[in-house]
Amino acid sequence: MTERQLIQEILNSEAIEYHFENVDEDSKEYTLLLKRLDKDVRPVEELNEEIKHYFKSADFSYQEELNPKGVDADIRLVIKR
């Protein structure tokens, strides 16, 4: 499984809308924008902790920005393996 496939699998398990804002396959660093689905009432902090758990378990570094300005997203996430 490629890193990108693993990322997609983790995010699909959370039922969250996401897209890759930046991909650097050479350095294996990915920036993603995550957005809760319309009916998702979880607080952003709770969702972030759930996602962080999965990525840490998969040996990714995890740097998040909650409610980033200038984009339509709940979380901007930079991960690297």
C-alpha atoms as a PDB file:
ATOM      1  CA  MET A   1       0.000   0.000   0.000  1.00  0.00           C
ATOM      2  CA  THR A   2       1.390   3.407  -0.931  1.00  0.00           C
ATOM      3  CA  GLU A   3       1.560   6.240   1.572  1.00  0.00           C
ATOM      4  CA  ARG A   4      -1.148   8.119  -0.274  1.00  0.00           C
ATOM      5  CA  GLN A   5      -3.425   5.067  -0.163  1.00  0.00           C
ATOM      6  CA  LEU A   6      -2.804   4.685   3.571  1.00  0.00           C
ATOM      7  CA  ILE A   7      -3.669   8.346   4.131  1.00  0.00           C
ATOM      8  CA  GLN A   8      -6.872   7.940   2.137  1.00  0.00           C
ATOM      9  CA  GLU A   9      -7.794   4.784   4.027  1.00  0.00           C
ATOM     10  CA  ILE A  10      -7.339   6.518   7.399  1.00  0.00           C
ATOM     11  CA  LEU A  11      -9.390   9.533   6.351  1.00  0.00           C
ATOM     12  CA  ASN A  12     -12.131   7.430   4.755  1.00  0.00           C
ATOM     13  CA  SER A  13     -12.515   5.550   8.037  1.00  0.00           C
ATOM     14  CA  GLU A  14     -13.354   8.884   9.687  1.00  0.00           C
ATOM     15  CA  ALA A  15     -16.031   9.827   7.150  1.00  0.00           C
ATOM     16  CA  ILE A  16     -14.567  13.262   6.567  1.00  0.00           C
ATOM     17  CA  GLU A  17     -14.258  15.398   3.451  1.00  0.00           C
ATOM     18  CA  TYR A  18     -10.639  15.965   2.512  1.00  0.00           C
ATOM     19  CA  HIS A  19      -8.365  17.001  -0.294  1.00  0.00           C
ATOM     20  CA  PHE A  20      -4.636  17.221  -0.750  1.00  0.00           C
ATOM     21  CA  GLU A  21      -3.490  20.836  -0.687  1.00  0.00           C
ATOM     22  CA  ASN A  22       0.153  19.941  -1.293  1.00  0.00           C
ATOM     23  CA  VAL A  23       1.915  16.657  -2.052  1.00  0.00           C
ATOM     24  CA  ASP A  24       5.653  16.120  -1.979  1.00  0.00           C
ATOM     25  CA  GLU A  25       6.117  12.460  -2.845  1.00  0.00           C
ATOM     26  CA  ASP A  26       9.917  12.753  -2.698  1.00  0.00           C
ATOM     27  CA  SER A  27      10.009  13.885   0.935  1.00  0.00           C
ATOM     28  CA  LYS A  28       6.805  11.976   1.757  1.00  0.00           C
ATOM     29  CA  GLU A  29       5.161  15.134   3.133  1.00  0.00           C
ATOM     30  CA  TYR A  30       1.485  15.814   2.576  1.00  0.00           C
ATOM     31  CA  THR A  31      -0.672  18.823   3.414  1.00  0.00           C
ATOM     32  CA  LEU A  32      -4.375  18.126   3.600  1.00  0.00           C
ATOM     33  CA  LEU A  33      -7.480  20.180   4.192  1.00  0.00           C
ATOM     34  CA  LEU A  34     -10.115  18.382   6.240  1.00  0.00           C
ATOM     35  CA  LYS A  35     -13.741  19.355   6.631  1.00  0.00           C
ATOM     36  CA  ARG A  36     -16.498  17.742   8.667  1.00  0.00           C
ATOM     37  CA  LEU A  37     -19.463  16.442   6.737  1.00  0.00           C
ATOM     38  CA  ASP A  38     -22.691  18.417   7.132  1.00  0.00           C
ATOM     39  CA  LYS A  39     -24.243  16.089   9.707  1.00  0.00           C
ATOM     40  CA  ASP A  40     -21.062  15.642  11.744  1.00  0.00           C
ATOM     41  CA  VAL A  41     -21.553  17.368  15.094  1.00  0.00           C
ATOM     42  CA  ARG A  42     -18.244  16.367  16.649  1.00  0.00           C
ATOM     43  CA  PRO A  43     -16.188  19.307  17.865  1.00  0.00           C
ATOM     44  CA  VAL A  44     -13.146  19.975  15.687  1.00  0.00           C
ATOM     45  CA  GLU A  45     -10.843  19.191  18.628  1.00  0.00           C
ATOM     46  CA  GLU A  46     -12.396  15.743  19.094  1.00  0.00           C
ATOM     47  CA  LEU A  47     -12.166  14.934  15.409  1.00  0.00           C
ATOM     48  CA  ASN A  48      -8.548  16.091  15.368  1.00  0.00           C
ATOM     49  CA  GLU A  49      -7.656  13.797  18.280  1.00  0.00           C
ATOM     50  CA  GLU A  50      -9.265  10.806  16.562  1.00  0.00           C
ATOM     51  CA  ILE A  51      -7.406  11.441  13.317  1.00  0.00           C
ATOM     52  CA  LYS A  52      -4.135  12.158  15.137  1.00  0.00           C
ATOM     53  CA  HIS A  53      -4.367   8.769  16.867  1.00  0.00           C
ATOM     54  CA  TYR A  54      -4.569   6.923  13.534  1.00  0.00           C
ATOM     55  CA  PHE A  55      -1.709   8.817  11.918  1.00  0.00           C
ATOM     56  CA  LYS A  56       0.563   8.465  14.946  1.00  0.00           C
ATOM     57  CA  SER A  57      -0.159   4.707  14.958  1.00  0.00           C
ATOM     58  CA  ALA A  58       0.919   4.601  11.297  1.00  0.00           C
ATOM     59  CA  ASP A  59       4.211   6.381  12.174  1.00  0.00           C
ATOM     60  CA  PHE A  60       3.410   9.740  10.612  1.00  0.00           C
ATOM     61  CA  SER A  61       4.477  13.025  12.139  1.00  0.00           C
ATOM     62  CA  TYR A  62       1.409  15.186  12.673  1.00  0.00           C
ATOM     63  CA  GLN A  63       1.105  18.957  12.676  1.00  0.00           C
ATOM     64  CA  GLU A  64      -2.354  20.451  12.678  1.00  0.00           C
ATOM     65  CA  GLU A  65      -3.942  23.865  12.399  1.00  0.00           C
ATOM     66  CA  LEU A  66      -7.527  23.987  13.627  1.00  0.00           C
ATOM     67  CA  ASN A  67      -9.915  26.343  11.824  1.00  0.00           C
ATOM     68  CA  PRO A  68      -7.258  27.675   9.425  1.00  0.00           C
ATOM     69  CA  LYS A  69      -7.878  31.125   7.987  1.00  0.00           C
ATOM     70  CA  GLY A  70      -8.336  31.695   4.285  1.00  0.00           C
ATOM     71  CA  VAL A  71      -9.503  28.177   3.380  1.00  0.00           C
ATOM     72  CA  ASP A  72     -12.779  26.295   3.618  1.00  0.00           C
ATOM     73  CA  ALA A  73     -11.592  23.649   6.081  1.00  0.00           C
ATOM     74  CA  ASP A  74     -11.854  22.691   9.723  1.00  0.00           C
ATOM     75  CA  ILE A  75      -8.294  21.352   9.944  1.00  0.00           C
ATOM     76  CA  ARG A  76      -5.138  21.903   7.912  1.00  0.00           C
ATOM     77  CA  LEU A  77      -2.929  18.907   8.438  1.00  0.00           C
ATOM     78  CA  VAL A  78       0.729  18.422   7.548  1.00  0.00           C
ATOM     79  CA  ILE A  79       1.915  14.825   7.873  1.00  0.00           C
ATOM     80  CA  LYS A  80       5.187  13.194   7.022  1.00  0.00           C
ATOM     81  CA  ARG A  81       6.506   9.685   7.296  1.00  0.00           C
END
